[in-house]
Amino acid sequence: MQLSEHAAQAITRLFEQATGQTLSQERFWRISTTLTPFCRARKIADFDQLARRLERGTDPELSLDMIDALLNNETSFFRDPAVFDTIADELLPRLAEARAKERRLRIWSAACSSGQEAYSLATLFAEQPERWQGWRIEILGTDISRSAVNRARDGLYSELEVQRGLTARRLLSFFVLEPGRGWRVRRELSALVTFARRSLLGPPPAGGRFDLILCRNALLYFGKERRSQLLDGLSLAIAADGALLLGAGETLAGLSSRFEVDSALPTTYRPAIRHSSSNAA
């Protein structure tokens, strides 16, 4: 389908208003690639007709479905294994020592897509039941995509999805095969995780500060001003001694003074010292 200038502007404007993410001209290919089958499935003749229907605002379901289609929901279990090694070997022991009295940990998997990251975090705890016995572990997964959050809550994954990142031992220990459907997350994991649809640019989730926040590969999709806004929100959500993990290709340089790099741990940030009094848990 041909993408006219009017249709491109209408679609990108709605997408940015709903998500805060910018679809630059360099990413217009995503509109054509993703929304061509989207329109055909809904018997929409072309992108101009889609734009007119979106602009009328009389079909909110169409708008939500289009936004879901354009979002990049790429994810996998234990994506970037070195990150999870850092969490298991460095961050969780550090946080366990700091929270020994409260015996409570709150973790936020921001932009969690269909939930694999959140369930990977839960696996780290489920693999050490004796170590975490008596602890209150709360893992929150959030994403702007309605369909992704619904999939995460369902906890059902295809053969291809579980093969990406899961060892055979973890698969057989924490998932159950439902013939003809896929692999379902076991109660040991699902009991630790909750999911919610939430924008990264909105107010921080309720319930207290988070000890660990993963917001990996999300900054890439926002303009500079939105990135700074997003980071300001994360600074309000994190505990004074908490840790923020970003993607390997992301940096806070020129975006925020509220965090400083943890020199011992790559892609890991902590609240800047001068903000610690306002970031107490």
C-alpha atoms as a PDB file:
ATOM      1  CA  MET A   1       0.000   0.000   0.000  1.00  0.00           C
ATOM      2  CA  GLN A   2       1.147   3.520  -0.764  1.00  0.00           C
ATOM      3  CA  LEU A   3       1.709   5.703   2.306  1.00  0.00           C
ATOM      4  CA  SER A   4       0.641   9.288   1.653  1.00  0.00           C
ATOM      5  CA  GLU A   5       2.040  12.202   3.642  1.00  0.00           C
ATOM      6  CA  HIS A   6      -1.373  12.863   5.215  1.00  0.00           C
ATOM      7  CA  ALA A   7      -1.802   9.245   6.309  1.00  0.00           C
ATOM      8  CA  ALA A   8       1.750   9.087   7.686  1.00  0.00           C
ATOM      9  CA  GLN A   9       1.220  12.241   9.736  1.00  0.00           C
ATOM     10  CA  ALA A  10      -2.142  11.073  11.097  1.00  0.00           C
ATOM     11  CA  ILE A  11      -0.851   7.648  12.080  1.00  0.00           C
ATOM     12  CA  THR A  12       2.391   8.882  13.657  1.00  0.00           C
ATOM     13  CA  ARG A  13       0.548  11.660  15.525  1.00  0.00           C
ATOM     14  CA  LEU A  14      -1.914   9.239  17.084  1.00  0.00           C
ATOM     15  CA  PHE A  15       0.847   6.768  17.901  1.00  0.00           C
ATOM     16  CA  GLU A  16       2.943   9.433  19.634  1.00  0.00           C
ATOM     17  CA  GLN A  17      -0.040  10.811  21.562  1.00  0.00           C
ATOM     18  CA  ALA A  18      -0.861   7.332  22.862  1.00  0.00           C
ATOM     19  CA  THR A  19       2.641   6.047  23.601  1.00  0.00           C
ATOM     20  CA  GLY A  20       5.026   8.989  23.667  1.00  0.00           C
ATOM     21  CA  GLN A  21       7.155   7.146  21.127  1.00  0.00           C
ATOM     22  CA  THR A  22       8.328   8.839  17.955  1.00  0.00           C
ATOM     23  CA  LEU A  23       7.965   7.242  14.532  1.00  0.00           C
ATOM     24  CA  SER A  24      10.536   9.162  12.529  1.00  0.00           C
ATOM     25  CA  GLN A  25      10.636   9.097   8.730  1.00  0.00           C
ATOM     26  CA  GLU A  26      13.396   6.514   8.921  1.00  0.00           C
ATOM     27  CA  ARG A  27      10.895   4.179  10.591  1.00  0.00           C
ATOM     28  CA  PHE A  28       7.980   4.753   8.191  1.00  0.00           C
ATOM     29  CA  TRP A  29       8.811   1.361   6.688  1.00  0.00           C
ATOM     30  CA  ARG A  30       7.297  -0.096   9.864  1.00  0.00           C
ATOM     31  CA  ILE A  31       3.936   1.498   9.050  1.00  0.00           C
ATOM     32  CA  SER A  32       3.844  -0.078   5.591  1.00  0.00           C
ATOM     33  CA  THR A  33       5.159  -3.460   6.724  1.00  0.00           C
ATOM     34  CA  THR A  34       2.933  -3.789   9.776  1.00  0.00           C
ATOM     35  CA  LEU A  35      -0.252  -1.997   8.795  1.00  0.00           C
ATOM     36  CA  THR A  36      -0.704  -3.416   5.295  1.00  0.00           C
ATOM     37  CA  PRO A  37      -1.896  -6.817   6.607  1.00  0.00           C
ATOM     38  CA  PHE A  38      -3.640  -4.964   9.446  1.00  0.00           C
ATOM     39  CA  CYS A  39      -5.777  -3.010   6.955  1.00  0.00           C
ATOM     40  CA  ARG A  40      -6.462  -6.003   4.738  1.00  0.00           C
ATOM     41  CA  ALA A  41      -7.692  -8.050   7.700  1.00  0.00           C
ATOM     42  CA  ARG A  42     -10.165  -5.244   8.504  1.00  0.00           C
ATOM     43  CA  LYS A  43     -11.171  -4.608   4.880  1.00  0.00           C
ATOM     44  CA  ILE A  44      -9.728  -1.085   4.953  1.00  0.00           C
ATOM     45  CA  ALA A  45      -8.886  -0.099   1.384  1.00  0.00           C
ATOM     46  CA  ASP A  46      -5.731   1.954   2.017  1.00  0.00           C
ATOM     47  CA  PHE A  47      -3.821   4.005   4.580  1.00  0.00           C
ATOM     48  CA  ASP A  48      -5.793   7.161   3.768  1.00  0.00           C
ATOM     49  CA  GLN A  49      -9.039   5.412   4.690  1.00  0.00           C
ATOM     50  CA  LEU A  50      -7.389   4.157   7.877  1.00  0.00           C
ATOM     51  CA  ALA A  51      -6.250   7.704   8.703  1.00  0.00           C
ATOM     52  CA  ARG A  52      -9.755   9.097   8.174  1.00  0.00           C
ATOM     53  CA  ARG A  53     -11.265   6.500  10.498  1.00  0.00           C
ATOM     54  CA  LEU A  54      -8.624   7.181  13.124  1.00  0.00           C
ATOM     55  CA  GLU A  55      -9.125  10.941  12.929  1.00  0.00           C
ATOM     56  CA  ARG A  56     -12.897  10.595  13.381  1.00  0.00           C
ATOM     57  CA  GLY A  57     -12.210   8.917  16.725  1.00  0.00           C
ATOM     58  CA  THR A  58     -15.394   6.882  16.611  1.00  0.00           C
ATOM     59  CA  ASP A  59     -13.662   3.494  16.793  1.00  0.00           C
ATOM     60  CA  PRO A  60     -11.394   3.365  19.861  1.00  0.00           C
ATOM     61  CA  GLU A  61     -10.797  -0.359  19.378  1.00  0.00           C
ATOM     62  CA  LEU A  62      -9.329   0.325  15.937  1.00  0.00           C
ATOM     63  CA  SER A  63      -6.958   2.878  17.444  1.00  0.00           C
ATOM     64  CA  LEU A  64      -5.837   0.529  20.225  1.00  0.00           C
ATOM     65  CA  ASP A  65      -5.329  -2.336  17.782  1.00  0.00           C
ATOM     66  CA  MET A  66      -3.298  -0.139  15.449  1.00  0.00           C
ATOM     67  CA  ILE A  67      -1.088   1.061  18.300  1.00  0.00           C
ATOM     68  CA  ASP A  68      -0.515  -2.535  19.389  1.00  0.00           C
ATOM     69  CA  ALA A  69       0.424  -3.485  15.840  1.00  0.00           C
ATOM     70  CA  LEU A  70       3.020  -0.710  15.567  1.00  0.00           C
ATOM     71  CA  LEU A  71       4.694  -1.366  18.916  1.00  0.00           C
ATOM     72  CA  ASN A  72       7.909  -3.340  18.868  1.00  0.00           C
ATOM     73  CA  ASN A  73       7.250  -6.297  21.173  1.00  0.00           C
ATOM     74  CA  GLU A  74      10.545  -8.089  20.548  1.00  0.00           C
ATOM     75  CA  THR A  75      11.577 -10.004  23.660  1.00  0.00           C
ATOM     76  CA  SER A  76      12.704 -13.418  24.874  1.00  0.00           C
ATOM     77  CA  PHE A  77      13.379 -15.337  28.054  1.00  0.00           C
ATOM     78  CA  PHE A  78      16.676 -14.384  29.731  1.00  0.00           C
ATOM     79  CA  ARG A  79      17.411 -11.915  26.962  1.00  0.00           C
ATOM     80  CA  ASP A  80      21.077 -10.903  27.261  1.00  0.00           C
ATOM     81  CA  PRO A  81      22.093 -13.673  29.709  1.00  0.00           C
ATOM     82  CA  ALA A  82      24.926 -11.581  31.159  1.00  0.00           C
ATOM     83  CA  VAL A  83      22.327  -9.154  32.530  1.00  0.00           C
ATOM     84  CA  PHE A  84      20.588 -11.926  34.433  1.00  0.00           C
ATOM     85  CA  ASP A  85      23.930 -13.193  35.691  1.00  0.00           C
ATOM     86  CA  THR A  86      24.551  -9.696  37.061  1.00  0.00           C
ATOM     87  CA  ILE A  87      21.142  -9.671  38.723  1.00  0.00           C
ATOM     88  CA  ALA A  88      21.563 -13.136  40.243  1.00  0.00           C
ATOM     89  CA  ASP A  89      25.207 -12.846  41.280  1.00  0.00           C
ATOM     90  CA  GLU A  90      25.537  -9.176  42.193  1.00  0.00           C
ATOM     91  CA  LEU A  91      22.306  -7.242  42.577  1.00  0.00           C
ATOM     92  CA  LEU A  92      20.066  -9.724  44.391  1.00  0.00           C
ATOM     93  CA  PRO A  93      22.680 -10.586  47.041  1.00  0.00           C
ATOM     94  CA  ARG A  94      23.310  -6.870  47.574  1.00  0.00           C
ATOM     95  CA  LEU A  95      19.590  -6.137  47.880  1.00  0.00           C
ATOM     96  CA  ALA A  96      18.987  -9.180  50.102  1.00  0.00           C
ATOM     97  CA  GLU A  97      21.538  -7.866  52.561  1.00  0.00           C
ATOM     98  CA  ALA A  98      20.051  -4.364  52.487  1.00  0.00           C
ATOM     99  CA  ARG A  99      16.486  -5.680  52.945  1.00  0.00           C
ATOM    100  CA  ALA A 100      17.251  -8.403  55.479  1.00  0.00           C
ATOM    101  CA  LYS A 101      15.055  -6.744  58.094  1.00  0.00           C
ATOM    102  CA  GLU A 102      12.017  -6.033  55.876  1.00  0.00           C
ATOM    103  CA  ARG A 103      12.392  -9.256  53.821  1.00  0.00           C
ATOM    104  CA  ARG A 104      10.574  -7.625  50.942  1.00  0.00           C
ATOM    105  CA  LEU A 105      11.764  -6.911  47.398  1.00  0.00           C
ATOM    106  CA  ARG A 106       9.913  -4.961  44.706  1.00  0.00           C
ATOM    107  CA  ILE A 107      11.029  -5.281  41.087  1.00  0.00           C
ATOM    108  CA  TRP A 108       9.633  -3.477  38.060  1.00  0.00           C
ATOM    109  CA  SER A 109       9.992  -4.900  34.577  1.00  0.00           C
ATOM    110  CA  ALA A 110       9.088  -1.796  32.568  1.00  0.00           C
ATOM    111  CA  ALA A 111       8.129  -2.194  28.898  1.00  0.00           C
ATOM    112  CA  CYS A 112       7.853  -5.920  29.604  1.00  0.00           C
ATOM    113  CA  SER A 113       6.156  -6.806  26.305  1.00  0.00           C
ATOM    114  CA  SER A 114       4.609 -10.297  26.535  1.00  0.00           C
ATOM    115  CA  GLY A 115       6.132 -11.043  29.918  1.00  0.00           C
ATOM    116  CA  GLN A 116       9.237 -13.128  29.277  1.00  0.00           C
ATOM    117  CA  GLU A 117      11.520 -10.742  31.172  1.00  0.00           C
ATOM    118  CA  ALA A 118       9.270 -10.683  34.251  1.00  0.00           C
ATOM    119  CA  TYR A 119       8.975 -14.467  34.305  1.00  0.00           C
ATOM    120  CA  SER A 120      12.745 -14.773  33.862  1.00  0.00           C
ATOM    121  CA  LEU A 121      13.176 -12.653  36.988  1.00  0.00           C
ATOM    122  CA  ALA A 122      10.681 -14.840  38.840  1.00  0.00           C
ATOM    123  CA  THR A 123      12.690 -17.898  37.808  1.00  0.00           C
ATOM    124  CA  LEU A 124      15.752 -16.566  39.649  1.00  0.00           C
ATOM    125  CA  PHE A 125      13.747 -16.616  42.877  1.00  0.00           C
ATOM    126  CA  ALA A 126      11.958 -19.903  42.198  1.00  0.00           C
ATOM    127  CA  GLU A 127      15.306 -21.613  41.679  1.00  0.00           C
ATOM    128  CA  GLN A 128      16.319 -20.759  45.258  1.00  0.00           C
ATOM    129  CA  PRO A 129      13.200 -21.457  47.367  1.00  0.00           C
ATOM    130  CA  GLU A 130      15.163 -21.928  50.590  1.00  0.00           C
ATOM    131  CA  ARG A 131      17.103 -18.703  50.109  1.00  0.00           C
ATOM    132  CA  TRP A 132      13.916 -16.667  49.651  1.00  0.00           C
ATOM    133  CA  GLN A 133      11.626 -18.496  52.058  1.00  0.00           C
ATOM    134  CA  GLY A 134       9.709 -15.974  54.139  1.00  0.00           C
ATOM    135  CA  TRP A 135      10.417 -13.125  51.746  1.00  0.00           C
ATOM    136  CA  ARG A 136       7.748 -11.077  50.020  1.00  0.00           C
ATOM    137  CA  ILE A 137       8.782 -10.915  46.364  1.00  0.00           C
ATOM    138  CA  GLU A 138       6.763  -8.581  44.146  1.00  0.00           C
ATOM    139  CA  ILE A 139       7.535  -8.400  40.430  1.00  0.00           C
ATOM    140  CA  LEU A 140       5.489  -5.945  38.377  1.00  0.00           C
ATOM    141  CA  GLY A 141       5.511  -6.142  34.592  1.00  0.00           C
ATOM    142  CA  THR A 142       4.051  -3.210  32.650  1.00  0.00           C
ATOM    143  CA  ASP A 143       3.654  -2.364  28.998  1.00  0.00           C
ATOM    144  CA  ILE A 144       1.621   0.078  26.906  1.00  0.00           C
ATOM    145  CA  SER A 145       0.475  -2.719  24.595  1.00  0.00           C
ATOM    146  CA  ARG A 146      -2.881  -4.157  25.569  1.00  0.00           C
ATOM    147  CA  SER A 147      -2.369  -7.383  23.634  1.00  0.00           C
ATOM    148  CA  ALA A 148       1.132  -7.905  25.059  1.00  0.00           C
ATOM    149  CA  VAL A 149      -0.085  -7.483  28.644  1.00  0.00           C
ATOM    150  CA  ASN A 150      -2.953  -9.890  28.047  1.00  0.00           C
ATOM    151  CA  ARG A 151      -0.510 -12.462  26.699  1.00  0.00           C
ATOM    152  CA  ALA A 152       1.770 -11.951  29.687  1.00  0.00           C
ATOM    153  CA  ARG A 153      -1.087 -12.494  32.108  1.00  0.00           C
ATOM    154  CA  ASP A 154      -2.099 -15.641  30.251  1.00  0.00           C
ATOM    155  CA  GLY A 155       1.416 -17.028  30.593  1.00  0.00           C
ATOM    156  CA  LEU A 156       1.138 -19.321  27.556  1.00  0.00           C
ATOM    157  CA  TYR A 157       4.072 -19.477  25.143  1.00  0.00           C
ATOM    158  CA  SER A 158       4.747 -21.259  21.874  1.00  0.00           C
ATOM    159  CA  GLU A 159       7.440 -23.858  21.276  1.00  0.00           C
ATOM    160  CA  LEU A 160       9.523 -21.248  19.455  1.00  0.00           C
ATOM    161  CA  GLU A 161       9.179 -18.732  22.290  1.00  0.00           C
ATOM    162  CA  VAL A 162      10.289 -21.124  25.041  1.00  0.00           C
ATOM    163  CA  GLN A 163      13.235 -22.261  22.930  1.00  0.00           C
ATOM    164  CA  ARG A 164      14.508 -18.689  22.893  1.00  0.00           C
ATOM    165  CA  GLY A 165      16.425 -18.348  26.143  1.00  0.00           C
ATOM    166  CA  LEU A 166      15.125 -21.205  28.285  1.00  0.00           C
ATOM    167  CA  THR A 167      17.274 -24.204  29.115  1.00  0.00           C
ATOM    168  CA  ALA A 168      15.598 -27.618  29.076  1.00  0.00           C
ATOM    169  CA  ARG A 169      15.888 -27.755  32.857  1.00  0.00           C
ATOM    170  CA  ARG A 170      14.146 -24.433  33.368  1.00  0.00           C
ATOM    171  CA  LEU A 171      11.470 -25.275  30.824  1.00  0.00           C
ATOM    172  CA  LEU A 172      10.591 -28.588  32.472  1.00  0.00           C
ATOM    173  CA  SER A 173      10.836 -27.162  35.999  1.00  0.00           C
ATOM    174  CA  PHE A 174       8.698 -24.069  35.578  1.00  0.00           C
ATOM    175  CA  PHE A 175       6.404 -24.691  32.595  1.00  0.00           C
ATOM    176  CA  VAL A 176       3.809 -27.316  31.812  1.00  0.00           C
ATOM    177  CA  LEU A 177       3.028 -28.477  28.283  1.00  0.00           C
ATOM    178  CA  GLU A 178      -0.545 -28.038  27.103  1.00  0.00           C
ATOM    179  CA  PRO A 179      -0.734 -30.232  23.994  1.00  0.00           C
ATOM    180  CA  GLY A 180      -1.746 -28.311  20.901  1.00  0.00           C
ATOM    181  CA  ARG A 181      -1.496 -24.967  22.694  1.00  0.00           C
ATOM    182  CA  GLY A 182       1.989 -24.390  24.083  1.00  0.00           C
ATOM    183  CA  TRP A 183       3.828 -24.132  27.381  1.00  0.00           C
ATOM    184  CA  ARG A 184       2.097 -22.615  30.414  1.00  0.00           C
ATOM    185  CA  VAL A 185       3.940 -20.860  33.237  1.00  0.00           C
ATOM    186  CA  ARG A 186       3.669 -22.805  36.485  1.00  0.00           C
ATOM    187  CA  ARG A 187       2.295 -21.353  39.695  1.00  0.00           C
ATOM    188  CA  GLU A 188       5.804 -21.032  41.169  1.00  0.00           C
ATOM    189  CA  LEU A 189       6.425 -18.187  38.733  1.00  0.00           C
ATOM    190  CA  SER A 190       3.000 -16.666  38.182  1.00  0.00           C
ATOM    191  CA  ALA A 191       2.498 -16.218  41.928  1.00  0.00           C
ATOM    192  CA  LEU A 192       5.410 -13.762  42.001  1.00  0.00           C
ATOM    193  CA  VAL A 193       4.350 -11.617  39.043  1.00  0.00           C
ATOM    194  CA  THR A 194       1.540  -9.198  38.273  1.00  0.00           C
ATOM    195  CA  PHE A 195       1.015  -7.343  35.009  1.00  0.00           C
ATOM    196  CA  ALA A 196      -0.601  -4.017  34.170  1.00  0.00           C
ATOM    197  CA  ARG A 197      -1.028  -1.828  31.115  1.00  0.00           C
ATOM    198  CA  ARG A 198       0.851   1.376  31.805  1.00  0.00           C
ATOM    199  CA  SER A 199       2.677   4.116  29.925  1.00  0.00           C
ATOM    200  CA  LEU A 200       6.288   4.762  30.873  1.00  0.00           C
ATOM    201  CA  LEU A 201       5.489   8.469  30.793  1.00  0.00           C
ATOM    202  CA  GLY A 202       2.744   8.234  33.409  1.00  0.00           C
ATOM    203  CA  PRO A 203       3.065   8.498  37.190  1.00  0.00           C
ATOM    204  CA  PRO A 204       5.040   5.754  38.983  1.00  0.00           C
ATOM    205  CA  PRO A 205       3.136   2.598  39.938  1.00  0.00           C
ATOM    206  CA  ALA A 206       1.611   2.566  43.406  1.00  0.00           C
ATOM    207  CA  GLY A 207       2.846   0.409  46.243  1.00  0.00           C
ATOM    208  CA  GLY A 208       6.174   1.967  47.183  1.00  0.00           C
ATOM    209  CA  ARG A 209       9.614   2.385  45.698  1.00  0.00           C
ATOM    210  CA  PHE A 210      11.216  -0.350  43.625  1.00  0.00           C
ATOM    211  CA  ASP A 211      14.501  -1.972  44.620  1.00  0.00           C
ATOM    212  CA  LEU A 212      15.283  -2.963  41.049  1.00  0.00           C
ATOM    213  CA  ILE A 213      13.949  -1.532  37.783  1.00  0.00           C
ATOM    214  CA  LEU A 214      14.598  -3.007  34.356  1.00  0.00           C
ATOM    215  CA  CYS A 215      13.832  -0.610  31.518  1.00  0.00           C
ATOM    216  CA  ARG A 216      15.844  -2.129  28.712  1.00  0.00           C
ATOM    217  CA  ASN A 217      15.777  -1.006  25.088  1.00  0.00           C
ATOM    218  CA  ALA A 218      12.827   1.340  25.639  1.00  0.00           C
ATOM    219  CA  LEU A 219      14.629   4.693  25.535  1.00  0.00           C
ATOM    220  CA  LEU A 220      15.573   4.026  21.922  1.00  0.00           C
ATOM    221  CA  TYR A 221      12.012   4.719  20.783  1.00  0.00           C
ATOM    222  CA  PHE A 222      11.600   8.127  22.431  1.00  0.00           C
ATOM    223  CA  GLY A 223      12.819  11.582  21.491  1.00  0.00           C
ATOM    224  CA  LYS A 224      15.287  13.349  23.790  1.00  0.00           C
ATOM    225  CA  GLU A 225      12.672  15.337  25.706  1.00  0.00           C
ATOM    226  CA  ARG A 226      10.540  12.241  26.290  1.00  0.00           C
ATOM    227  CA  ARG A 227      13.600  10.270  27.402  1.00  0.00           C
ATOM    228  CA  SER A 228      14.337  12.853  30.070  1.00  0.00           C
ATOM    229  CA  GLN A 229      10.693  12.774  31.178  1.00  0.00           C
ATOM    230  CA  LEU A 230      10.779   8.989  31.355  1.00  0.00           C
ATOM    231  CA  LEU A 231      13.954   9.009  33.449  1.00  0.00           C
ATOM    232  CA  ASP A 232      12.503  11.603  35.812  1.00  0.00           C
ATOM    233  CA  GLY A 233       9.595   9.234  36.397  1.00  0.00           C
ATOM    234  CA  LEU A 234      11.914   6.310  37.050  1.00  0.00           C
ATOM    235  CA  SER A 235      13.850   8.389  39.569  1.00  0.00           C
ATOM    236  CA  LEU A 236      10.616   8.858  41.543  1.00  0.00           C
ATOM    237  CA  ALA A 237       9.928   5.132  41.470  1.00  0.00           C
ATOM    238  CA  ILE A 238      13.292   3.770  42.604  1.00  0.00           C
ATOM    239  CA  ALA A 239      14.580   3.310  46.149  1.00  0.00           C
ATOM    240  CA  ALA A 240      17.599   5.334  47.262  1.00  0.00           C
ATOM    241  CA  ASP A 241      19.821   2.262  47.136  1.00  0.00           C
ATOM    242  CA  GLY A 242      18.053   0.651  44.197  1.00  0.00           C
ATOM    243  CA  ALA A 243      19.406  -0.268  40.783  1.00  0.00           C
ATOM    244  CA  LEU A 244      18.230   0.634  37.282  1.00  0.00           C
ATOM    245  CA  LEU A 245      19.197  -1.544  34.332  1.00  0.00           C
ATOM    246  CA  LEU A 246      19.103  -0.186  30.786  1.00  0.00           C
ATOM    247  CA  GLY A 247      19.817  -1.849  27.445  1.00  0.00           C
ATOM    248  CA  ALA A 248      23.381  -2.352  26.277  1.00  0.00           C
ATOM    249  CA  GLY A 249      23.024   0.344  23.618  1.00  0.00           C
ATOM    250  CA  GLU A 250      21.435   2.943  25.889  1.00  0.00           C
ATOM    251  CA  THR A 251      23.037   5.746  27.849  1.00  0.00           C
ATOM    252  CA  LEU A 252      21.876   8.539  30.141  1.00  0.00           C
ATOM    253  CA  ALA A 253      24.499  10.982  28.888  1.00  0.00           C
ATOM    254  CA  GLY A 254      22.912  14.391  28.396  1.00  0.00           C
ATOM    255  CA  LEU A 255      19.502  13.130  29.508  1.00  0.00           C
ATOM    256  CA  SER A 256      19.397  12.993  33.295  1.00  0.00           C
ATOM    257  CA  SER A 257      21.447  13.922  36.342  1.00  0.00           C
ATOM    258  CA  ARG A 258      19.211  11.855  38.612  1.00  0.00           C
ATOM    259  CA  PHE A 259      21.190   8.663  38.048  1.00  0.00           C
ATOM    260  CA  GLU A 260      24.860   7.784  37.991  1.00  0.00           C
ATOM    261  CA  VAL A 261      26.527   4.773  36.466  1.00  0.00           C
ATOM    262  CA  ASP A 262      27.515   1.896  38.725  1.00  0.00           C
ATOM    263  CA  SER A 263      31.172   1.572  37.751  1.00  0.00           C
ATOM    264  CA  ALA A 264      31.303  -2.065  38.850  1.00  0.00           C
ATOM    265  CA  LEU A 265      28.302  -3.226  36.820  1.00  0.00           C
ATOM    266  CA  PRO A 266      27.771  -2.508  33.095  1.00  0.00           C
ATOM    267  CA  THR A 267      24.444  -0.950  32.004  1.00  0.00           C
ATOM    268  CA  THR A 268      23.520  -0.530  35.697  1.00  0.00           C
ATOM    269  CA  TYR A 269      22.650   2.834  37.248  1.00  0.00           C
ATOM    270  CA  ARG A 270      21.826   4.004  40.755  1.00  0.00           C
ATOM    271  CA  PRO A 271      20.138   7.151  42.042  1.00  0.00           C
ATOM    272  CA  ALA A 272      22.581  10.044  42.214  1.00  0.00           C
ATOM    273  CA  ILE A 273      23.807  10.718  45.732  1.00  0.00           C
ATOM    274  CA  ARG A 274      22.422  14.266  45.829  1.00  0.00           C
ATOM    275  CA  HIS A 275      18.912  12.844  45.265  1.00  0.00           C
ATOM    276  CA  SER A 276      19.117  10.073  47.832  1.00  0.00           C
ATOM    277  CA  SER A 277      17.208  11.963  50.527  1.00  0.00           C
ATOM    278  CA  SER A 278      14.174  12.232  48.258  1.00  0.00           C
ATOM    279  CA  ASN A 279      14.420   8.662  47.018  1.00  0.00           C
ATOM    280  CA  ALA A 280      14.263   6.846  50.308  1.00  0.00           C
ATOM    281  CA  ALA A 281      12.104   3.745  50.222  1.00  0.00           C
END
